[in-house]
Amino acid sequence: MIINHNITALNTHRQLGSATNAQGKSMEKLASGMRINRAGDDAAGLAISEKMRGQIRGLDQASRNAQDGISLIQTAEGALNETHDILQRMRELAVQAGNDTNTVSDRGEIQKEVDQLAKEITRIGETTEFNTKNLLDGSFNGKFQIGANSNQNIDLGINDMRGSQLGVVGDARVSQSATVTKNGTVDFTDGTYEVSKNGANYELLDVDGNVVAKGTDGKTFTANTGEKNDTIVFEQVVDSGRVTISAGGTKADGEASISTTLQAGDYTVDNAAKTLKDRDGNIVASSTDNKTFKDAKGNTVLDLDAATTKDLTINIGGIDVSSQKSANNAITKINDALESVSAERAKLGAHQNRLEHTINNLGTSSENLTAAESRIRDVDYALAA
């Protein structure tokens, strides 16, 4: 009998090959700890698992993003905490200056500290950074990616917290010429006066609050003396604030009613060149009409009531506490600034609390998704063995 095929041997060989292959796969799973090592192990399971892995890694990164967001907020809030302390000190000084037991010299010394504090608020607003990003100059308006997928983010904008925006830099003091016409028996005494608006008229008040002259346009003020009048004429509109009439009654320094976002310091308006220069002669803004001056970015930094026809010297000072009345006005301004800073800190605190809850939720989601992915991809040692 001739045997061509050993069926038993072939069957044994096939079974041995299958067992060896199965044993190899089991050893691979046991060694790797994963049930799916290649697409052939479970094509659908592999696709689902990879999608879950992407979500898990995205959730973990989103959690780190939220942590970075909290760090940014803490940086900004820490700077505003110092701004709060400075404003509280400024308010304390304004209350002190409001007491008429102080002499002019006393208030001058108080003013020096107030000016420096106002400059420090602006410095904090301009130099507070996180990862080279300015936080408190009004330029930060960002998004935090706090999810694994697109458009899962929260917005955060931080308002301008510099002294100019908070209103604690004070009014711009403009040096300008004035012509005093002496037709009557009353002379304008050298000294400081307050300009205020009363209905349609403007009034010039002395240090005691007495009305010494009136005007209708903020430029010409006339003292009524019965039959004759004394007149003072400013070249620029001065419709609010303090003015100082100097020796001879031929010059006046006034606080023009203008808006500005400049830092504290001395500036010069070059009428011919239509430019605004700092104390070092650097051009910080330009104008087309000698009224509105804009910086290189197109932002308005100085807006005069009327176009100037000559060179002007502008001093941006701090909160004014040089008189009882101005000290009271300073208290009001500082109160407003305190409210603005408090509101901004409250907003930042709310965002920080939200991000902390976001981190907790992201951690829970990542944990649950990891467990689900593990059930699909990881090996069951009892079954694999």
Protein backbone atom coordinates (compact mmCIF):
# COMPACT_ATOMS: atom_id res chain seq x y z
CA MET A 1 0.00 0.00 0.00
CA ILE A 2 1.40 3.36 -1.12
CA ILE A 3 0.62 6.37 1.09
CA ASN A 4 0.57 9.69 -0.86
CA HIS A 5 -0.99 11.91 1.80
CA ASN A 6 -0.73 11.62 5.55
CA ILE A 7 -4.00 13.30 6.45
CA THR A 8 -3.44 12.86 10.14
CA ALA A 9 -0.06 14.52 9.92
CA LEU A 10 -1.41 17.36 7.81
CA ASN A 11 -4.22 17.98 10.30
CA THR A 12 -1.78 17.89 13.16
CA HIS A 13 0.51 20.36 11.35
CA ARG A 14 -2.38 22.71 10.63
CA GLN A 15 -3.59 22.62 14.21
CA LEU A 16 -0.05 23.19 15.42
CA GLY A 17 0.27 26.23 13.14
CA SER A 18 -3.02 27.67 14.36
CA ALA A 19 -2.07 27.08 17.97
CA THR A 20 1.34 28.63 17.44
CA ASN A 21 -0.22 31.66 15.72
CA ALA A 22 -2.83 32.07 18.45
CA GLN A 23 -0.17 31.64 21.11
CA GLY A 24 1.96 34.28 19.38
CA LYS A 25 -0.92 36.75 19.32
CA SER A 26 -1.70 36.02 22.95
CA MET A 27 1.93 36.54 23.90
CA GLU A 28 1.95 39.81 21.93
CA LYS A 29 -1.17 41.01 23.75
CA LEU A 30 0.22 39.95 27.12
CA ALA A 31 3.53 41.63 26.37
CA SER A 32 2.01 44.88 25.06
CA GLY A 33 -0.95 44.96 27.42
CA MET A 34 -3.24 45.81 24.48
CA ARG A 35 -5.92 43.74 22.85
CA ILE A 36 -5.58 45.69 19.58
CA ASN A 37 -2.02 45.90 18.28
CA ARG A 38 -2.88 46.25 14.59
CA ALA A 39 -5.95 47.06 12.57
CA GLY A 40 -6.47 43.38 11.81
CA ASP A 41 -7.06 42.64 15.47
CA ASP A 42 -10.26 44.75 15.50
CA ALA A 43 -10.71 47.27 12.68
CA ALA A 44 -13.77 49.01 14.12
CA GLY A 45 -12.37 48.93 17.64
CA LEU A 46 -9.12 50.49 16.44
CA ALA A 47 -10.95 53.39 14.73
CA ILE A 48 -13.08 54.08 17.79
CA SER A 49 -10.08 53.80 20.10
CA GLU A 50 -7.97 56.25 18.09
CA LYS A 51 -10.81 58.77 18.07
CA MET A 52 -11.07 58.45 21.83
CA ARG A 53 -7.32 58.84 22.21
CA GLY A 54 -7.50 62.12 20.30
CA GLN A 55 -10.25 63.33 22.61
CA ILE A 56 -8.33 62.29 25.72
CA ARG A 57 -5.15 64.09 24.68
CA GLY A 58 -7.21 67.12 23.68
CA LEU A 59 -8.93 67.17 27.07
CA ASP A 60 -5.61 66.93 28.89
CA GLN A 61 -4.16 69.80 26.85
CA ALA A 62 -7.32 71.86 27.37
CA SER A 63 -6.84 71.40 31.11
CA ARG A 64 -3.29 72.74 30.81
CA ASN A 65 -4.63 75.64 28.73
CA ALA A 66 -7.08 76.48 31.49
CA GLN A 67 -4.25 76.38 34.02
CA ASP A 68 -2.32 78.85 31.86
CA GLY A 69 -5.42 81.04 31.70
CA ILE A 70 -5.64 81.06 35.48
CA SER A 71 -1.97 82.06 35.68
CA LEU A 72 -2.63 84.97 33.30
CA ILE A 73 -5.62 86.10 35.35
CA GLN A 74 -3.66 85.86 38.58
CA THR A 75 -0.92 88.03 37.07
CA ALA A 76 -3.40 90.72 36.04
CA GLU A 77 -5.34 90.53 39.30
CA GLY A 78 -2.16 90.78 41.35
CA ALA A 79 -1.21 93.99 39.54
CA LEU A 80 -4.70 95.40 40.08
CA ASN A 81 -4.41 94.57 43.76
CA GLU A 82 -1.45 96.95 43.91
CA THR A 83 -3.41 99.53 41.90
CA HIS A 84 -6.17 99.25 44.50
CA ASP A 85 -3.69 99.91 47.29
CA ILE A 86 -2.33 102.96 45.46
CA LEU A 87 -5.81 104.38 44.90
CA GLN A 88 -6.65 103.90 48.58
CA ARG A 89 -3.52 105.85 49.50
CA MET A 90 -4.42 108.58 46.98
CA ARG A 91 -7.90 108.82 48.48
CA GLU A 92 -6.40 109.11 51.95
CA LEU A 93 -4.18 111.95 50.75
CA ALA A 94 -7.10 113.70 49.04
CA VAL A 95 -9.09 113.58 52.27
CA GLN A 96 -6.09 114.99 54.11
CA ALA A 97 -5.70 117.79 51.55
CA GLY A 98 -9.39 118.64 51.85
CA ASN A 99 -8.83 119.95 55.36
CA ASP A 100 -8.32 123.73 55.42
CA THR A 101 -5.89 123.43 58.31
CA ASN A 102 -3.33 122.76 55.56
CA THR A 103 -1.34 125.59 54.06
CA VAL A 104 -0.60 125.98 50.36
CA SER A 105 2.83 124.51 51.05
CA ASP A 106 1.31 121.53 52.87
CA ARG A 107 -0.97 120.77 49.95
CA GLY A 108 1.98 121.14 47.61
CA GLU A 109 3.83 118.37 49.43
CA ILE A 110 0.73 116.18 49.36
CA GLN A 111 0.39 116.89 45.65
CA LYS A 112 3.90 115.59 45.01
CA GLU A 113 3.07 112.18 46.43
CA VAL A 114 -0.28 112.07 44.63
CA ASP A 115 1.44 112.81 41.31
CA GLN A 116 3.96 110.03 41.80
CA LEU A 117 1.24 107.57 42.76
CA ALA A 118 -0.75 108.45 39.64
CA LYS A 119 2.34 107.84 37.50
CA GLU A 120 2.86 104.47 39.18
CA ILE A 121 -0.70 103.41 38.31
CA THR A 122 0.02 104.22 34.67
CA ARG A 123 3.35 102.37 34.82
CA ILE A 124 1.65 99.28 36.22
CA GLY A 125 -0.96 99.46 33.48
CA GLU A 126 1.65 99.73 30.75
CA THR A 127 4.19 97.14 31.96
CA THR A 128 2.12 94.29 33.42
CA GLU A 129 2.70 91.34 31.07
CA PHE A 130 2.15 87.59 30.79
CA ASN A 131 4.31 85.77 28.25
CA THR A 132 5.17 89.18 26.69
CA LYS A 133 1.47 90.07 26.29
CA ASN A 134 0.38 93.38 27.83
CA LEU A 135 -2.56 92.80 30.14
CA LEU A 136 -3.72 96.13 31.55
CA ASP A 137 -3.28 98.64 28.73
CA GLY A 138 -6.59 97.76 27.08
CA SER A 139 -5.02 95.69 24.29
CA PHE A 140 -5.68 92.21 25.69
CA ASN A 141 -8.75 90.53 24.28
CA GLY A 142 -8.13 86.79 24.05
CA LYS A 143 -9.70 83.36 23.90
CA PHE A 144 -8.88 80.35 26.06
CA GLN A 145 -9.21 76.96 24.31
CA ILE A 146 -10.77 74.93 27.11
CA GLY A 147 -12.15 71.99 25.11
CA ALA A 148 -10.86 69.14 22.96
CA ASN A 149 -12.70 70.35 19.85
CA SER A 150 -12.86 73.52 17.77
CA ASN A 151 -14.76 76.56 19.07
CA GLN A 152 -14.75 75.22 22.62
CA ASN A 153 -13.31 78.35 24.19
CA ILE A 154 -14.12 81.26 26.46
CA ASP A 155 -13.40 84.92 25.81
CA LEU A 156 -11.62 87.29 28.17
CA GLY A 157 -11.05 90.98 27.63
CA ILE A 158 -9.28 93.17 30.18
CA ASN A 159 -10.12 96.86 30.22
CA ASP A 160 -7.57 99.66 30.16
CA MET A 161 -6.41 100.12 33.74
CA ARG A 162 -3.93 102.94 33.16
CA GLY A 163 -4.24 106.20 35.05
CA SER A 164 -5.62 108.10 32.07
CA GLN A 165 -8.48 105.63 31.62
CA LEU A 166 -9.23 105.49 35.34
CA GLY A 167 -9.43 109.28 35.45
CA VAL A 168 -6.66 109.74 37.98
CA VAL A 169 -4.17 111.45 35.70
CA GLY A 170 -6.17 114.66 35.95
CA ASP A 171 -6.89 117.54 33.63
CA ALA A 172 -4.40 118.69 31.03
CA ARG A 173 -2.90 121.99 32.03
CA VAL A 174 -2.44 124.30 29.05
CA SER A 175 -0.16 127.34 29.14
CA GLN A 176 -1.65 130.04 26.95
CA SER A 177 -1.66 133.80 26.47
CA ALA A 178 -4.45 136.00 27.68
CA THR A 179 -5.15 139.70 27.20
CA VAL A 180 -6.45 141.68 30.18
CA THR A 181 -8.34 144.86 29.30
CA LYS A 182 -8.48 147.24 32.26
CA ASN A 183 -11.32 149.66 31.60
CA GLY A 184 -12.75 149.84 35.10
CA THR A 185 -11.69 150.34 38.64
CA VAL A 186 -11.46 146.64 39.48
CA ASP A 187 -8.20 144.86 38.65
CA PHE A 188 -7.83 141.12 38.33
CA THR A 189 -5.56 140.18 41.21
CA ASP A 190 -2.75 137.77 40.47
CA GLY A 191 -3.64 134.32 41.75
CA THR A 192 -5.65 131.17 41.16
CA TYR A 193 -9.26 131.14 40.00
CA GLU A 194 -11.81 128.43 39.26
CA VAL A 195 -13.80 128.34 36.02
CA SER A 196 -17.22 126.70 36.18
CA LYS A 197 -20.29 126.58 33.98
CA ASN A 198 -23.59 127.90 35.33
CA GLY A 199 -26.37 127.29 32.86
CA ALA A 200 -25.43 128.99 29.60
CA ASN A 201 -22.80 131.18 31.27
CA TYR A 202 -19.26 130.63 32.52
CA GLU A 203 -18.13 132.01 35.85
CA LEU A 204 -14.69 132.91 37.19
CA LEU A 205 -14.50 132.30 40.95
CA ASP A 206 -11.83 133.43 43.39
CA VAL A 207 -10.35 131.21 46.11
CA ASP A 208 -13.27 132.04 48.41
CA GLY A 209 -15.83 130.92 45.83
CA ASN A 210 -16.96 134.45 44.94
CA VAL A 211 -17.92 135.13 41.32
CA VAL A 212 -15.54 137.82 40.07
CA ALA A 213 -16.31 137.63 36.34
CA LYS A 214 -18.68 136.02 33.87
CA GLY A 215 -18.57 134.97 30.23
CA THR A 216 -20.68 133.25 27.61
CA ASP A 217 -18.09 131.52 25.43
CA GLY A 218 -15.41 130.28 27.83
CA LYS A 219 -12.87 132.72 26.38
CA THR A 220 -13.94 136.24 27.40
CA PHE A 221 -14.71 136.95 31.06
CA THR A 222 -15.98 140.32 32.22
CA ALA A 223 -16.13 141.67 35.77
CA ASN A 224 -19.24 143.81 36.25
CA THR A 225 -18.34 146.92 38.25
CA GLY A 226 -21.37 149.05 37.59
CA GLU A 227 -20.48 151.57 34.92
CA LYS A 228 -17.25 150.00 33.67
CA ASN A 229 -15.89 146.50 33.18
CA ASP A 230 -12.57 144.70 33.43
CA THR A 231 -12.15 142.00 30.79
CA ILE A 232 -9.82 139.02 30.47
CA VAL A 233 -9.67 137.20 27.13
CA PHE A 234 -8.13 133.75 26.71
CA GLU A 235 -6.89 132.57 23.34
CA GLN A 236 -8.27 129.08 23.99
CA VAL A 237 -11.59 128.06 25.49
CA VAL A 238 -11.27 127.48 29.24
CA ASP A 239 -14.67 126.26 30.33
CA SER A 240 -13.76 124.29 33.46
CA GLY A 241 -10.97 123.81 35.97
CA ARG A 242 -8.36 126.11 37.48
CA VAL A 243 -6.67 129.15 35.92
CA THR A 244 -3.78 131.18 37.24
CA ILE A 245 -3.40 134.84 36.32
CA SER A 246 0.25 135.78 36.66
CA ALA A 247 2.17 139.01 37.16
CA GLY A 248 0.76 142.07 35.46
CA GLY A 249 -2.36 140.24 34.40
CA THR A 250 -0.96 139.63 30.94
CA LYS A 251 -0.43 135.88 31.05
CA ALA A 252 -2.57 133.00 32.17
CA ASP A 253 -2.10 129.31 32.69
CA GLY A 254 -5.31 127.37 32.44
CA GLU A 255 -6.72 123.88 32.61
CA ALA A 256 -8.42 123.57 29.26
CA SER A 257 -11.43 121.33 28.97
CA ILE A 258 -9.74 118.73 26.79
CA SER A 259 -9.64 114.98 26.66
CA THR A 260 -6.35 113.09 26.69
CA THR A 261 -4.97 109.58 27.14
CA LEU A 262 -1.36 110.71 27.43
CA GLN A 263 0.97 109.74 30.24
CA ALA A 264 1.75 112.29 32.88
CA GLY A 265 4.43 114.68 31.71
CA ASP A 266 5.14 117.81 29.67
CA TYR A 267 4.17 118.06 26.00
CA THR A 268 4.39 120.75 23.33
CA VAL A 269 2.02 121.42 20.45
CA ASP A 270 3.98 122.62 17.42
CA ASN A 271 1.40 124.76 15.66
CA ALA A 272 3.31 125.06 12.36
CA ALA A 273 4.21 121.37 12.09
CA LYS A 274 0.87 120.24 13.57
CA THR A 275 2.63 117.79 15.84
CA LEU A 276 2.66 116.92 19.53
CA LYS A 277 6.08 116.38 21.09
CA ASP A 278 7.17 115.01 24.44
CA ARG A 279 9.70 116.72 26.69
CA ASP A 280 12.57 115.10 24.74
CA GLY A 281 11.33 116.49 21.44
CA ASN A 282 10.04 113.16 20.14
CA ILE A 283 6.88 113.35 18.04
CA VAL A 284 4.17 111.32 19.77
CA ALA A 285 1.18 112.41 17.69
CA SER A 286 0.21 114.49 14.68
CA SER A 287 -2.84 116.44 13.56
CA THR A 288 -4.46 117.77 10.42
CA ASP A 289 -6.38 120.55 12.14
CA ASN A 290 -4.32 121.41 15.26
CA LYS A 291 -7.25 120.23 17.35
CA THR A 292 -7.28 116.43 17.31
CA PHE A 293 -3.92 114.68 17.64
CA LYS A 294 -3.49 110.98 16.85
CA ASP A 295 -0.63 108.57 17.44
CA ALA A 296 0.97 106.25 14.87
CA LYS A 297 -1.81 103.69 15.36
CA GLY A 298 -4.51 106.24 14.65
CA ASN A 299 -5.64 106.49 18.28
CA THR A 300 -6.69 109.94 19.47
CA VAL A 301 -4.39 110.94 22.33
CA LEU A 302 -5.26 114.63 22.60
CA ASP A 303 -8.42 116.47 21.62
CA LEU A 304 -8.55 120.22 22.20
CA ASP A 305 -11.77 122.18 22.49
CA ALA A 306 -10.71 124.34 19.56
CA ALA A 307 -7.90 124.41 17.02
CA THR A 308 -4.84 126.15 18.41
CA THR A 309 -3.31 129.04 16.50
CA LYS A 310 0.02 129.05 18.33
CA ASP A 311 2.41 126.72 20.11
CA LEU A 312 1.07 125.33 23.40
CA THR A 313 2.73 123.76 26.39
CA ILE A 314 0.63 121.01 27.94
CA ASN A 315 1.29 119.43 31.30
CA ILE A 316 -0.50 116.22 32.13
CA GLY A 317 -0.46 116.08 35.90
CA GLY A 318 -1.91 113.90 38.61
CA ILE A 319 -5.06 114.31 40.67
CA ASP A 320 -5.26 117.94 41.83
CA VAL A 321 -5.40 118.46 45.61
CA SER A 322 -4.10 122.05 45.64
CA SER A 323 -7.32 123.47 47.15
CA GLN A 324 -10.21 122.33 49.32
CA LYS A 325 -12.54 122.23 46.33
CA SER A 326 -10.14 120.36 44.06
CA ALA A 327 -9.39 117.87 46.85
CA ASN A 328 -13.10 117.11 47.15
CA ASN A 329 -13.30 116.64 43.39
CA ALA A 330 -10.29 114.35 43.64
CA ILE A 331 -12.08 112.17 46.19
CA THR A 332 -14.95 111.71 43.75
CA LYS A 333 -12.60 110.84 40.89
CA ILE A 334 -10.67 108.36 43.01
CA ASN A 335 -13.90 106.75 44.19
CA ASP A 336 -14.87 106.23 40.55
CA ALA A 337 -11.44 104.74 39.85
CA LEU A 338 -11.76 102.39 42.82
CA GLU A 339 -15.11 101.18 41.51
CA SER A 340 -13.63 100.56 38.06
CA VAL A 341 -10.73 98.54 39.47
CA SER A 342 -13.06 96.60 41.79
CA ALA A 343 -15.33 95.74 38.87
CA GLU A 344 -12.38 94.53 36.80
CA ARG A 345 -11.00 92.42 39.63
CA ALA A 346 -14.43 90.92 40.23
CA LYS A 347 -14.66 90.01 36.54
CA LEU A 348 -11.23 88.39 36.63
CA GLY A 349 -12.12 86.49 39.79
CA ALA A 350 -15.30 85.18 38.18
CA HIS A 351 -13.34 83.94 35.16
CA GLN A 352 -10.77 82.29 37.42
CA ASN A 353 -13.47 80.43 39.34
CA ARG A 354 -15.03 79.34 36.06
CA LEU A 355 -11.70 78.01 34.79
CA GLU A 356 -11.15 76.08 38.02
CA HIS A 357 -14.49 74.32 37.53
CA THR A 358 -13.57 73.79 33.88
CA ILE A 359 -10.36 72.02 34.93
CA ASN A 360 -12.31 69.75 37.28
CA ASN A 361 -14.77 68.85 34.53
CA LEU A 362 -12.01 68.23 32.00
CA GLY A 363 -10.28 65.90 34.44
CA THR A 364 -13.47 63.90 35.01
CA SER A 365 -14.17 63.68 31.28
CA SER A 366 -10.62 62.55 30.52
CA GLU A 367 -10.79 59.90 33.25
CA ASN A 368 -14.09 58.46 32.02
CA LEU A 369 -13.01 58.51 28.38
CA THR A 370 -9.74 56.80 29.29
CA ALA A 371 -11.69 54.03 31.01
CA ALA A 372 -13.89 53.59 27.93
CA GLU A 373 -10.86 53.49 25.62
CA SER A 374 -9.21 50.97 27.92
CA ARG A 375 -12.16 48.60 27.67
CA ILE A 376 -11.87 48.67 23.88
CA ARG A 377 -8.11 48.50 23.44
CA ASP A 378 -6.53 47.02 26.54
CA VAL A 379 -6.11 43.28 26.95
CA ASP A 380 -7.95 41.12 29.47
CA TYR A 381 -5.10 39.08 30.93
CA ALA A 382 -7.42 36.31 32.10
CA LEU A 383 -8.78 35.81 28.59
CA ALA A 384 -5.46 36.32 26.81
CA ALA A 385 -3.70 33.79 28.99
